[in-house]
């Protein structure tokens, strides 16, 4: 077997760059959540229920960390799939982000209602 038969087909650079742009979009989302968590903790007046403001802030920050770590894992899995010519893997990032934001929204709404 020659060395050219062992080599994986070259990936179109546009796909690699698209994968990087997607990773960066997830990172921007994580940074926005992180900034939102810090802003809620520092700038929002305390809710009547003790600790609810902190719960909203911590939820934002934890979701930011989950999204950042997940974005890196997703980038690696997609890159590996492209390098091996496999189908692109499914992602759990979208439902995690959707449910995470829904939970944060419910917590924040509850805090506003009881204030």
N, C-alpha and C. Protein backbone atom coordinates (compact mmCIF):
# COMPACT_ATOMS: atom_id res chain seq x y z
N UNK A 1 0.84 -1.18 0.00
CA UNK A 1 0.00 0.00 0.00
C UNK A 1 0.89 1.24 0.00
N UNK A 2 0.63 2.15 -0.86
CA UNK A 2 1.45 3.36 -0.92
C UNK A 2 0.99 4.36 0.12
N UNK A 3 1.83 5.34 0.37
CA UNK A 3 1.49 6.34 1.40
C UNK A 3 0.29 7.18 1.00
N UNK A 4 0.06 7.36 -0.31
CA UNK A 4 -1.08 8.17 -0.74
C UNK A 4 -2.40 7.45 -0.47
N UNK A 5 -2.40 6.12 -0.39
CA UNK A 5 -3.61 5.38 -0.08
C UNK A 5 -3.97 5.47 1.40
N UNK A 6 -2.98 5.71 2.27
CA UNK A 6 -3.21 5.81 3.70
C UNK A 6 -3.67 7.20 4.13
N UNK A 7 -3.46 8.18 3.30
CA UNK A 7 -3.79 9.55 3.67
C UNK A 7 -5.29 9.80 3.53
N UNK A 8 -5.82 10.53 4.49
CA UNK A 8 -7.22 10.92 4.41
C UNK A 8 -7.37 12.00 3.35
N UNK A 9 -8.53 12.09 2.73
CA UNK A 9 -8.71 13.15 1.73
C UNK A 9 -8.57 14.52 2.38
N UNK A 10 -8.04 15.45 1.63
CA UNK A 10 -7.86 16.81 2.17
C UNK A 10 -9.22 17.45 2.42
N UNK A 11 -9.32 18.13 3.53
CA UNK A 11 -10.56 18.82 3.89
C UNK A 11 -10.56 20.18 3.20
N UNK A 12 -11.66 20.51 2.60
CA UNK A 12 -11.81 21.84 2.02
C UNK A 12 -11.66 22.86 3.15
N UNK A 13 -10.77 23.78 2.99
CA UNK A 13 -10.48 24.74 4.06
C UNK A 13 -11.71 25.53 4.48
N UNK A 14 -12.68 25.68 3.58
CA UNK A 14 -13.90 26.42 3.93
C UNK A 14 -14.67 25.72 5.04
N UNK A 15 -14.65 24.38 5.05
CA UNK A 15 -15.34 23.63 6.09
C UNK A 15 -14.62 23.77 7.43
N UNK A 16 -13.30 23.75 7.38
CA UNK A 16 -12.53 23.94 8.61
C UNK A 16 -12.78 25.32 9.18
N UNK A 17 -12.77 26.32 8.31
CA UNK A 17 -13.03 27.69 8.77
C UNK A 17 -14.47 27.85 9.28
N UNK A 18 -15.42 27.18 8.64
CA UNK A 18 -16.80 27.23 9.11
C UNK A 18 -16.91 26.59 10.49
N UNK A 19 -16.19 25.51 10.70
CA UNK A 19 -16.18 24.85 12.01
C UNK A 19 -15.61 25.80 13.06
N UNK A 20 -14.54 26.51 12.71
CA UNK A 20 -13.95 27.48 13.65
C UNK A 20 -14.91 28.63 13.93
N UNK A 21 -15.61 29.11 12.91
CA UNK A 21 -16.57 30.20 13.13
C UNK A 21 -17.70 29.74 14.05
N UNK A 22 -18.14 28.51 13.87
CA UNK A 22 -19.18 27.98 14.74
C UNK A 22 -18.69 27.90 16.18
N UNK A 23 -17.46 27.42 16.35
CA UNK A 23 -16.85 27.37 17.68
C UNK A 23 -16.81 28.77 18.30
N UNK A 24 -16.38 29.75 17.53
CA UNK A 24 -16.30 31.11 18.04
C UNK A 24 -17.68 31.68 18.37
N UNK A 25 -18.69 31.30 17.61
CA UNK A 25 -20.06 31.75 17.92
C UNK A 25 -20.51 31.17 19.26
N UNK A 26 -20.20 29.89 19.51
CA UNK A 26 -20.54 29.29 20.81
C UNK A 26 -19.77 29.99 21.93
N UNK A 27 -18.52 30.35 21.67
CA UNK A 27 -17.72 31.04 22.69
C UNK A 27 -18.29 32.43 22.98
N UNK A 28 -18.76 33.13 21.94
CA UNK A 28 -19.39 34.44 22.16
C UNK A 28 -20.65 34.28 23.01
N UNK A 29 -21.39 33.22 22.77
CA UNK A 29 -22.58 32.95 23.57
C UNK A 29 -22.19 32.72 25.02
N UNK A 30 -21.13 31.92 25.22
CA UNK A 30 -20.67 31.65 26.59
C UNK A 30 -20.20 32.94 27.26
N UNK A 31 -19.47 33.78 26.53
CA UNK A 31 -19.01 35.05 27.11
C UNK A 31 -20.19 35.96 27.46
N UNK A 32 -21.22 35.97 26.62
CA UNK A 32 -22.41 36.76 26.90
C UNK A 32 -23.11 36.28 28.17
N UNK A 33 -23.20 34.96 28.32
CA UNK A 33 -23.80 34.41 29.54
C UNK A 33 -22.96 34.74 30.77
N UNK A 34 -21.65 34.65 30.62
CA UNK A 34 -20.76 34.99 31.74
C UNK A 34 -20.92 36.45 32.13
N UNK A 35 -20.93 37.33 31.14
CA UNK A 35 -21.12 38.76 31.43
C UNK A 35 -22.49 39.01 32.04
N UNK A 36 -23.50 38.31 31.55
CA UNK A 36 -24.84 38.46 32.11
C UNK A 36 -24.90 38.01 33.55
N UNK A 37 -24.24 36.91 33.86
CA UNK A 37 -24.21 36.42 35.24
C UNK A 37 -23.54 37.39 36.18
N UNK A 38 -22.42 37.95 35.74
CA UNK A 38 -21.72 38.94 36.57
C UNK A 38 -22.57 40.20 36.72
N UNK A 39 -23.21 40.63 35.63
CA UNK A 39 -24.05 41.83 35.69
C UNK A 39 -25.24 41.62 36.62
N UNK A 40 -25.87 40.46 36.55
CA UNK A 40 -27.00 40.19 37.44
C UNK A 40 -26.55 40.25 38.89
N UNK A 41 -25.42 39.66 39.17
CA UNK A 41 -24.94 39.63 40.55
C UNK A 41 -24.56 41.02 41.06
N UNK A 42 -23.93 41.82 40.20
CA UNK A 42 -23.41 43.11 40.65
C UNK A 42 -24.37 44.28 40.46
N UNK A 43 -25.24 44.22 39.46
CA UNK A 43 -26.02 45.41 39.11
C UNK A 43 -27.51 45.32 39.42
N UNK A 44 -28.05 44.13 39.50
CA UNK A 44 -29.48 43.98 39.74
C UNK A 44 -29.75 44.12 41.23
N UNK A 45 -30.76 44.90 41.55
CA UNK A 45 -31.08 45.05 42.97
C UNK A 45 -31.55 43.71 43.50
N UNK A 46 -31.27 43.42 44.73
CA UNK A 46 -31.65 42.11 45.28
C UNK A 46 -33.15 41.85 45.22
N UNK A 47 -33.50 40.62 44.87
CA UNK A 47 -34.89 40.20 44.92
C UNK A 47 -35.28 40.05 46.38
N UNK A 48 -36.58 40.07 46.63
CA UNK A 48 -37.07 39.92 48.00
C UNK A 48 -36.64 38.58 48.58
N UNK A 49 -36.70 37.54 47.77
CA UNK A 49 -36.31 36.21 48.23
C UNK A 49 -34.78 36.14 48.27
N UNK A 50 -34.23 35.91 49.44
CA UNK A 50 -32.78 35.88 49.61
C UNK A 50 -32.14 34.79 48.74
N UNK A 51 -31.15 35.14 48.01
CA UNK A 51 -30.39 34.17 47.23
C UNK A 51 -30.88 33.95 45.82
N UNK A 52 -32.04 34.48 45.46
CA UNK A 52 -32.57 34.26 44.12
C UNK A 52 -31.72 34.97 43.07
N UNK A 53 -31.27 36.17 43.39
CA UNK A 53 -30.40 36.89 42.46
C UNK A 53 -29.12 36.11 42.26
N UNK A 54 -28.56 35.56 43.33
CA UNK A 54 -27.35 34.75 43.21
C UNK A 54 -27.61 33.48 42.40
N UNK A 55 -28.80 32.89 42.56
CA UNK A 55 -29.14 31.69 41.79
C UNK A 55 -29.19 31.99 40.30
N UNK A 56 -29.75 33.14 39.93
CA UNK A 56 -29.80 33.53 38.52
C UNK A 56 -28.38 33.76 38.01
N UNK A 57 -27.58 34.48 38.79
CA UNK A 57 -26.20 34.78 38.38
C UNK A 57 -25.38 33.50 38.23
N UNK A 58 -25.45 32.63 39.22
CA UNK A 58 -24.68 31.38 39.17
C UNK A 58 -25.17 30.51 38.03
N UNK A 59 -26.47 30.49 37.77
CA UNK A 59 -26.99 29.70 36.65
C UNK A 59 -26.41 30.18 35.32
N UNK A 60 -26.34 31.48 35.15
CA UNK A 60 -25.74 32.04 33.93
C UNK A 60 -24.27 31.64 33.81
N UNK A 61 -23.55 31.75 34.90
CA UNK A 61 -22.12 31.46 34.89
C UNK A 61 -21.86 29.98 34.66
N UNK A 62 -22.64 29.12 35.30
CA UNK A 62 -22.48 27.67 35.10
C UNK A 62 -22.82 27.29 33.66
N UNK A 63 -23.91 27.85 33.13
CA UNK A 63 -24.27 27.57 31.74
C UNK A 63 -23.18 28.06 30.80
N UNK A 64 -22.57 29.20 31.10
CA UNK A 64 -21.45 29.70 30.28
C UNK A 64 -20.30 28.71 30.27
N UNK A 65 -19.97 28.15 31.43
CA UNK A 65 -18.88 27.17 31.50
C UNK A 65 -19.22 25.91 30.73
N UNK A 66 -20.45 25.44 30.85
CA UNK A 66 -20.89 24.23 30.13
C UNK A 66 -20.82 24.47 28.62
N UNK A 67 -21.28 25.62 28.17
CA UNK A 67 -21.26 25.93 26.75
C UNK A 67 -19.82 26.06 26.24
N UNK A 68 -18.94 26.69 27.01
CA UNK A 68 -17.55 26.84 26.58
C UNK A 68 -16.87 25.48 26.44
N UNK A 69 -17.03 24.62 27.42
CA UNK A 69 -16.42 23.28 27.35
C UNK A 69 -17.06 22.47 26.23
N UNK A 70 -18.38 22.55 26.12
CA UNK A 70 -19.08 21.83 25.06
C UNK A 70 -18.69 22.31 23.68
N UNK A 71 -18.44 23.60 23.53
CA UNK A 71 -18.04 24.16 22.24
C UNK A 71 -16.70 23.58 21.80
N UNK A 72 -15.79 23.45 22.74
CA UNK A 72 -14.49 22.88 22.39
C UNK A 72 -14.64 21.41 21.98
N UNK A 73 -15.42 20.66 22.76
CA UNK A 73 -15.66 19.26 22.41
C UNK A 73 -16.33 19.12 21.06
N UNK A 74 -17.30 19.96 20.80
CA UNK A 74 -18.00 19.93 19.51
C UNK A 74 -17.04 20.24 18.37
N UNK A 75 -16.21 21.26 18.53
CA UNK A 75 -15.25 21.62 17.50
C UNK A 75 -14.33 20.44 17.19
N UNK A 76 -13.82 19.79 18.23
CA UNK A 76 -12.93 18.64 18.03
C UNK A 76 -13.62 17.48 17.34
N UNK A 77 -14.86 17.18 17.75
CA UNK A 77 -15.59 16.06 17.14
C UNK A 77 -15.88 16.32 15.66
N UNK A 78 -16.28 17.54 15.36
CA UNK A 78 -16.58 17.88 13.97
C UNK A 78 -15.30 17.84 13.14
N UNK A 79 -14.21 18.38 13.66
CA UNK A 79 -12.95 18.38 12.93
C UNK A 79 -12.49 16.94 12.67
N UNK A 80 -12.60 16.09 13.67
CA UNK A 80 -12.21 14.69 13.52
C UNK A 80 -13.08 13.98 12.49
N UNK A 81 -14.38 14.24 12.53
CA UNK A 81 -15.28 13.62 11.56
C UNK A 81 -14.93 14.06 10.14
N UNK A 82 -14.62 15.33 9.96
CA UNK A 82 -14.24 15.82 8.64
C UNK A 82 -12.94 15.18 8.18
N UNK A 83 -11.97 15.07 9.08
CA UNK A 83 -10.69 14.48 8.72
C UNK A 83 -10.81 13.01 8.32
N UNK A 84 -11.75 12.29 8.93
CA UNK A 84 -11.92 10.87 8.64
C UNK A 84 -13.01 10.59 7.60
N UNK A 85 -13.64 11.64 7.11
CA UNK A 85 -14.69 11.47 6.11
C UNK A 85 -15.97 10.88 6.67
N UNK A 86 -16.19 11.02 7.98
CA UNK A 86 -17.38 10.49 8.63
C UNK A 86 -18.51 11.50 8.58
N UNK A 87 -19.72 11.04 8.93
CA UNK A 87 -20.84 11.96 9.07
C UNK A 87 -20.58 12.87 10.26
N UNK A 88 -21.13 14.06 10.18
CA UNK A 88 -20.97 14.99 11.30
C UNK A 88 -21.78 14.49 12.49
N UNK A 89 -21.20 14.60 13.69
CA UNK A 89 -21.91 14.10 14.88
C UNK A 89 -23.07 15.03 15.25
N UNK A 90 -24.05 14.43 15.91
CA UNK A 90 -25.16 15.23 16.44
C UNK A 90 -24.64 16.03 17.64
N UNK A 91 -25.36 17.08 17.96
CA UNK A 91 -24.94 17.91 19.08
C UNK A 91 -26.01 17.96 20.16
N UNK A 92 -25.56 18.01 21.40
CA UNK A 92 -26.48 18.24 22.51
C UNK A 92 -26.40 19.68 22.98
N UNK A 93 -25.55 20.46 22.33
CA UNK A 93 -25.34 21.85 22.73
C UNK A 93 -26.61 22.69 22.59
N UNK A 94 -27.34 22.50 21.52
CA UNK A 94 -28.53 23.32 21.28
C UNK A 94 -29.58 23.08 22.37
N UNK A 95 -29.95 21.81 22.67
CA UNK A 95 -30.93 21.64 23.75
C UNK A 95 -30.42 22.09 25.11
N UNK A 96 -29.12 21.89 25.39
CA UNK A 96 -28.57 22.35 26.67
C UNK A 96 -28.73 23.86 26.79
N UNK A 97 -28.37 24.57 25.73
CA UNK A 97 -28.48 26.03 25.76
C UNK A 97 -29.95 26.47 25.87
N UNK A 98 -30.82 25.83 25.11
CA UNK A 98 -32.24 26.21 25.14
C UNK A 98 -32.85 25.98 26.52
N UNK A 99 -32.63 24.80 27.08
CA UNK A 99 -33.20 24.51 28.40
C UNK A 99 -32.54 25.34 29.49
N UNK A 100 -31.23 25.56 29.36
CA UNK A 100 -30.53 26.38 30.35
C UNK A 100 -31.06 27.80 30.38
N UNK A 101 -31.25 28.38 29.21
CA UNK A 101 -31.77 29.75 29.15
C UNK A 101 -33.22 29.78 29.64
N UNK A 102 -33.99 28.75 29.33
CA UNK A 102 -35.38 28.70 29.81
C UNK A 102 -35.42 28.66 31.34
N UNK A 103 -34.53 27.88 31.94
CA UNK A 103 -34.48 27.80 33.40
C UNK A 103 -34.08 29.15 34.00
N UNK A 104 -33.10 29.78 33.40
CA UNK A 104 -32.66 31.10 33.88
C UNK A 104 -33.81 32.11 33.74
N UNK A 105 -34.53 32.05 32.63
CA UNK A 105 -35.65 32.97 32.42
C UNK A 105 -36.74 32.75 33.46
N UNK A 106 -37.02 31.51 33.79
CA UNK A 106 -38.04 31.21 34.80
C UNK A 106 -37.59 31.72 36.17
N UNK A 107 -36.32 31.49 36.52
CA UNK A 107 -35.79 32.00 37.79
C UNK A 107 -35.89 33.53 37.86
N UNK A 108 -35.48 34.19 36.77
CA UNK A 108 -35.51 35.65 36.76
C UNK A 108 -36.95 36.16 36.82
N UNK A 109 -37.85 35.53 36.09
CA UNK A 109 -39.25 35.94 36.12
C UNK A 109 -39.85 35.77 37.51
N UNK A 110 -39.55 34.65 38.14
CA UNK A 110 -40.02 34.41 39.49
C UNK A 110 -39.51 35.49 40.43
N UNK A 111 -38.21 35.82 40.29
CA UNK A 111 -37.63 36.86 41.13
C UNK A 111 -38.30 38.21 40.94
N UNK A 112 -38.60 38.53 39.70
CA UNK A 112 -39.29 39.80 39.44
C UNK A 112 -40.70 39.81 39.98
N UNK A 113 -41.38 38.69 39.86
CA UNK A 113 -42.77 38.61 40.33
C UNK A 113 -42.89 38.75 41.85
N UNK A 114 -41.92 38.21 42.57
CA UNK A 114 -42.04 38.28 44.03
C UNK A 114 -41.39 39.52 44.61
N UNK A 115 -40.76 40.32 43.76
CA UNK A 115 -40.13 41.55 44.28
C UNK A 115 -41.14 42.65 44.49
